[in-house]
C-alpha atoms as a PDB file:
ATOM      1  CA  MET A   1      -9.799 -90.887  78.678  1.00  0.00           C
ATOM      2  CA  LYS A   2     -12.609 -90.627  75.973  1.00  0.00           C
ATOM      3  CA  GLU A   3     -11.527 -92.587  73.040  1.00  0.00           C
ATOM      4  CA  PHE A   4     -11.681 -90.037  70.607  1.00  0.00           C
ATOM      5  CA  ALA A   5     -10.612 -87.015  72.456  1.00  0.00           C
ATOM      6  CA  THR A   6      -7.712 -86.312  70.228  1.00  0.00           C
ATOM      7  CA  LEU A   7      -9.978 -86.375  67.199  1.00  0.00           C
ATOM      8  CA  ASP A   8     -12.801 -84.126  68.839  1.00  0.00           C
ATOM      9  CA  LYS A   9      -9.976 -81.703  70.123  1.00  0.00           C
ATOM     10  CA  ALA A  10      -8.534 -81.778  66.567  1.00  0.00           C
ATOM     11  CA  ILE A  11     -11.952 -80.842  64.820  1.00  0.00           C
ATOM     12  CA  GLU A  12     -12.548 -78.275  67.280  1.00  0.00           C
ATOM     13  CA  LEU A  13      -9.530 -76.641  66.603  1.00  0.00           C
ATOM     14  CA  ALA A  14     -10.031 -76.907  62.891  1.00  0.00           C
ATOM     15  CA  GLN A  15     -13.236 -75.352  63.303  1.00  0.00           C
ATOM     16  CA  ARG A  16     -11.818 -72.103  64.910  1.00  0.00           C
ATOM     17  CA  GLY A  17      -9.115 -71.912  62.082  1.00  0.00           C
ATOM     18  CA  TYR A  18      -6.033 -73.704  63.531  1.00  0.00           C
ATOM     19  CA  ALA A  19      -4.237 -76.064  61.157  1.00  0.00           C
ATOM     20  CA  VAL A  20      -3.379 -79.523  62.914  1.00  0.00           C
ATOM     21  CA  TYR A  21      -1.678 -82.536  62.012  1.00  0.00           C
ATOM     22  CA  PRO A  22      -1.010 -86.059  63.689  1.00  0.00           C
ATOM     23  CA  LEU A  23       2.001 -87.473  65.631  1.00  0.00           C
ATOM     24  CA  ILE A  24       2.739 -90.801  66.980  1.00  0.00           C
ATOM     25  CA  GLU A  25       1.386 -91.406  70.305  1.00  0.00           C
ATOM     26  CA  ASN A  26       3.995 -89.834  72.838  1.00  0.00           C
ATOM     27  CA  THR A  27       6.249 -88.575  70.256  1.00  0.00           C
ATOM     28  CA  LYS A  28       7.111 -85.362  68.360  1.00  0.00           C
ATOM     29  CA  LYS A  29       7.094 -87.448  64.931  1.00  0.00           C
ATOM     30  CA  PRO A  30       4.576 -87.588  62.358  1.00  0.00           C
ATOM     31  CA  PRO A  31       3.180 -90.895  61.273  1.00  0.00           C
ATOM     32  CA  LYS A  32       4.118 -92.615  57.762  1.00  0.00           C
ATOM     33  CA  GLY A  33       2.764 -90.734  54.989  1.00  0.00           C
ATOM     34  CA  VAL A  34       2.281 -87.317  57.139  1.00  0.00           C
ATOM     35  CA  SER A  35       5.124 -84.769  56.733  1.00  0.00           C
ATOM     36  CA  GLY A  36       4.539 -83.261  60.004  1.00  0.00           C
ATOM     37  CA  TYR A  37       3.778 -79.299  60.086  1.00  0.00           C
ATOM     38  CA  LYS A  38       3.767 -79.246  56.288  1.00  0.00           C
ATOM     39  CA  ASP A  39       0.698 -81.101  56.153  1.00  0.00           C
ATOM     40  CA  ALA A  40      -1.053 -79.319  58.652  1.00  0.00           C
ATOM     41  CA  THR A  41      -4.657 -78.526  57.645  1.00  0.00           C
ATOM     42  CA  ILE A  42      -8.135 -77.462  59.025  1.00  0.00           C
ATOM     43  CA  ASP A  43      -9.949 -79.906  56.401  1.00  0.00           C
ATOM     44  CA  GLN A  44     -12.058 -82.090  59.006  1.00  0.00           C
ATOM     45  CA  GLY A  45     -12.243 -85.060  56.237  1.00  0.00           C
ATOM     46  CA  THR A  46      -8.333 -85.238  56.386  1.00  0.00           C
ATOM     47  CA  ILE A  47      -8.298 -84.760  60.204  1.00  0.00           C
ATOM     48  CA  PHE A  48     -11.126 -87.571  60.662  1.00  0.00           C
ATOM     49  CA  ALA A  49      -9.006 -90.013  58.115  1.00  0.00           C
ATOM     50  CA  TRP A  50      -5.911 -89.435  60.269  1.00  0.00           C
ATOM     51  CA  PHE A  51      -7.304 -90.149  63.616  1.00  0.00           C
ATOM     52  CA  GLU A  52     -10.377 -92.282  63.152  1.00  0.00           C
ATOM     53  CA  ASN A  53      -8.033 -95.518  63.001  1.00  0.00           C
ATOM     54  CA  HIS A  54      -5.345 -94.008  65.476  1.00  0.00           C
ATOM     55  CA  PRO A  55      -7.153 -92.574  68.414  1.00  0.00           C
ATOM     56  CA  ASP A  56      -4.199 -92.231  70.634  1.00  0.00           C
ATOM     57  CA  TYR A  57      -2.197 -89.738  68.022  1.00  0.00           C
ATOM     58  CA  ASN A  58      -0.733 -87.010  69.542  1.00  0.00           C
ATOM     59  CA  LEU A  59      -1.921 -83.654  68.006  1.00  0.00           C
ATOM     60  CA  GLY A  60       0.509 -80.991  66.658  1.00  0.00           C
ATOM     61  CA  LEU A  61      -0.690 -77.505  65.835  1.00  0.00           C
ATOM     62  CA  ARG A  62       0.973 -75.511  63.199  1.00  0.00           C
ATOM     63  CA  LEU A  63       1.765 -72.311  64.798  1.00  0.00           C
ATOM     64  CA  ASP A  64       2.823 -69.950  61.624  1.00  0.00           C
ATOM     65  CA  LEU A  65      -0.726 -70.598  60.050  1.00  0.00           C
ATOM     66  CA  SER A  66      -2.527 -70.177  63.369  1.00  0.00           C
ATOM     67  CA  ASP A  67      -1.010 -66.880  64.529  1.00  0.00           C
ATOM     68  CA  LEU A  68      -0.015 -68.281  67.714  1.00  0.00           C
ATOM     69  CA  LEU A  69       3.028 -67.915  69.972  1.00  0.00           C
ATOM     70  CA  ILE A  70       3.910 -70.590  72.371  1.00  0.00           C
ATOM     71  CA  VAL A  71       6.308 -70.257  75.787  1.00  0.00           C
ATOM     72  CA  ASP A  72       7.680 -73.467  75.736  1.00  0.00           C
ATOM     73  CA  VAL A  73       8.735 -74.529  79.477  1.00  0.00           C
ATOM     74  CA  ASP A  74      10.881 -77.381  79.872  1.00  0.00           C
ATOM     75  CA  MET A  75      12.848 -79.273  82.662  1.00  0.00           C
ATOM     76  CA  HIS A  76      15.301 -81.459  80.648  1.00  0.00           C
ATOM     77  CA  GLU A  77      18.296 -80.339  82.499  1.00  0.00           C
ATOM     78  CA  PRO A  78      19.166 -79.101  86.002  1.00  0.00           C
ATOM     79  CA  THR A  79      20.640 -75.959  84.476  1.00  0.00           C
ATOM     80  CA  LYS A  80      17.856 -75.151  82.013  1.00  0.00           C
ATOM     81  CA  ASN A  81      15.043 -75.871  84.412  1.00  0.00           C
ATOM     82  CA  GLY A  82      12.103 -73.686  82.757  1.00  0.00           C
ATOM     83  CA  ARG A  83       9.995 -73.892  86.296  1.00  0.00           C
ATOM     84  CA  THR A  84      13.016 -72.200  87.867  1.00  0.00           C
ATOM     85  CA  SER A  85      13.056 -69.463  85.645  1.00  0.00           C
ATOM     86  CA  LEU A  86       9.443 -68.986  85.774  1.00  0.00           C
ATOM     87  CA  VAL A  87       9.578 -68.486  89.295  1.00  0.00           C
ATOM     88  CA  GLN A  88      12.701 -66.335  89.095  1.00  0.00           C
ATOM     89  CA  LEU A  89      10.416 -64.073  86.467  1.00  0.00           C
ATOM     90  CA  PHE A  90       7.415 -64.124  88.751  1.00  0.00           C
ATOM     91  CA  ASN A  91       9.563 -62.867  91.575  1.00  0.00           C
ATOM     92  CA  GLN A  92      10.756 -59.850  89.284  1.00  0.00           C
ATOM     93  CA  GLY A  93       7.277 -59.114  88.876  1.00  0.00           C
ATOM     94  CA  LEU A  94       6.538 -60.454  85.504  1.00  0.00           C
ATOM     95  CA  THR A  95       3.724 -62.801  85.021  1.00  0.00           C
ATOM     96  CA  LEU A  96       1.636 -64.458  82.454  1.00  0.00           C
ATOM     97  CA  PRO A  97      -2.192 -63.295  82.022  1.00  0.00           C
ATOM     98  CA  ASN A  98      -4.759 -65.247  84.244  1.00  0.00           C
ATOM     99  CA  ASP A  99      -6.633 -66.419  80.954  1.00  0.00           C
ATOM    100  CA  THR A 100      -3.561 -67.938  79.425  1.00  0.00           C
ATOM    101  CA  TYR A 101      -4.236 -71.329  77.778  1.00  0.00           C
ATOM    102  CA  ILE A 102      -1.829 -74.124  79.219  1.00  0.00           C
ATOM    103  CA  GLU A 103      -1.160 -77.624  78.091  1.00  0.00           C
ATOM    104  CA  ARG A 104       0.918 -80.016  79.754  1.00  0.00           C
ATOM    105  CA  THR A 105       3.596 -81.527  77.245  1.00  0.00           C
ATOM    106  CA  ALA A 106       4.382 -85.557  77.221  1.00  0.00           C
ATOM    107  CA  ASN A 107       7.958 -84.675  78.700  1.00  0.00           C
ATOM    108  CA  ASN A 108       6.147 -83.245  81.838  1.00  0.00           C
ATOM    109  CA  GLY A 109       6.765 -79.523  80.572  1.00  0.00           C
ATOM    110  CA  VAL A 110       4.008 -77.087  79.739  1.00  0.00           C
ATOM    111  CA  HIS A 111       3.272 -74.906  76.558  1.00  0.00           C
ATOM    112  CA  TYR A 112       1.390 -71.495  77.207  1.00  0.00           C
ATOM    113  CA  PHE A 113      -0.405 -70.472  74.134  1.00  0.00           C
ATOM    114  CA  PHE A 114      -1.076 -66.915  72.896  1.00  0.00           C
ATOM    115  CA  LYS A 115      -2.574 -65.314  69.958  1.00  0.00           C
ATOM    116  CA  TYR A 116       0.299 -63.484  68.069  1.00  0.00           C
ATOM    117  CA  ALA A 117       0.430 -61.908  64.457  1.00  0.00           C
ATOM    118  CA  GLY A 118       3.899 -60.693  64.730  1.00  0.00           C
ATOM    119  CA  ALA A 119       6.865 -61.750  62.984  1.00  0.00           C
ATOM    120  CA  LYS A 120       8.053 -65.300  63.301  1.00  0.00           C
ATOM    121  CA  VAL A 121       9.617 -66.325  66.459  1.00  0.00           C
ATOM    122  CA  ARG A 122      12.119 -69.283  67.380  1.00  0.00           C
ATOM    123  CA  LYS A 123      13.840 -68.303  70.345  1.00  0.00           C
ATOM    124  CA  ILE A 124      15.516 -71.024  72.270  1.00  0.00           C
ATOM    125  CA  ASP A 125      16.453 -70.743  76.065  1.00  0.00           C
ATOM    126  CA  VAL A 126      15.574 -66.822  75.844  1.00  0.00           C
ATOM    127  CA  TRP A 127      15.621 -67.861  79.662  1.00  0.00           C
ATOM    128  CA  PRO A 128      17.057 -70.898  80.751  1.00  0.00           C
ATOM    129  CA  GLY A 129      14.358 -74.214  79.967  1.00  0.00           C
ATOM    130  CA  ILE A 130      12.278 -71.522  78.260  1.00  0.00           C
ATOM    131  CA  ASP A 131      11.591 -71.026  74.333  1.00  0.00           C
ATOM    132  CA  LEU A 132       9.363 -68.631  72.293  1.00  0.00           C
ATOM    133  CA  LEU A 133       8.054 -70.502  69.351  1.00  0.00           C
ATOM    134  CA  SER A 134       5.791 -69.019  66.754  1.00  0.00           C
ATOM    135  CA  ASP A 135       7.394 -70.090  63.153  1.00  0.00           C
ATOM    136  CA  PHE A 136       5.926 -73.660  62.699  1.00  0.00           C
END
């Protein structure tokens, strides 16, 4: 992995107008002195300061400021397996667009990203193991 891959991605996203913030490596927790999504920014100087001494930080993305909707697919419990839900939805003829941007999460789940300008959404387990998120 390139040493500043997360910094490079953070700068790229900020240049596209997406507000980002740092998270402690392999967690969803912000580092000391950062208020998580509340401190999300597109300011490249701030982003550089966060990541230059901590290239292994995870990258958070503030959804509500970025007009994004995330389909969050998790496999935390056998009864809430998002992959099983996706297969069932696919078998019903429901599919995601081929050009959907997808990221693997630290917990072996996936996030599907969509441009979205509608009302803010936080629907947990809309299908077993699948959440819809656009609020923060």
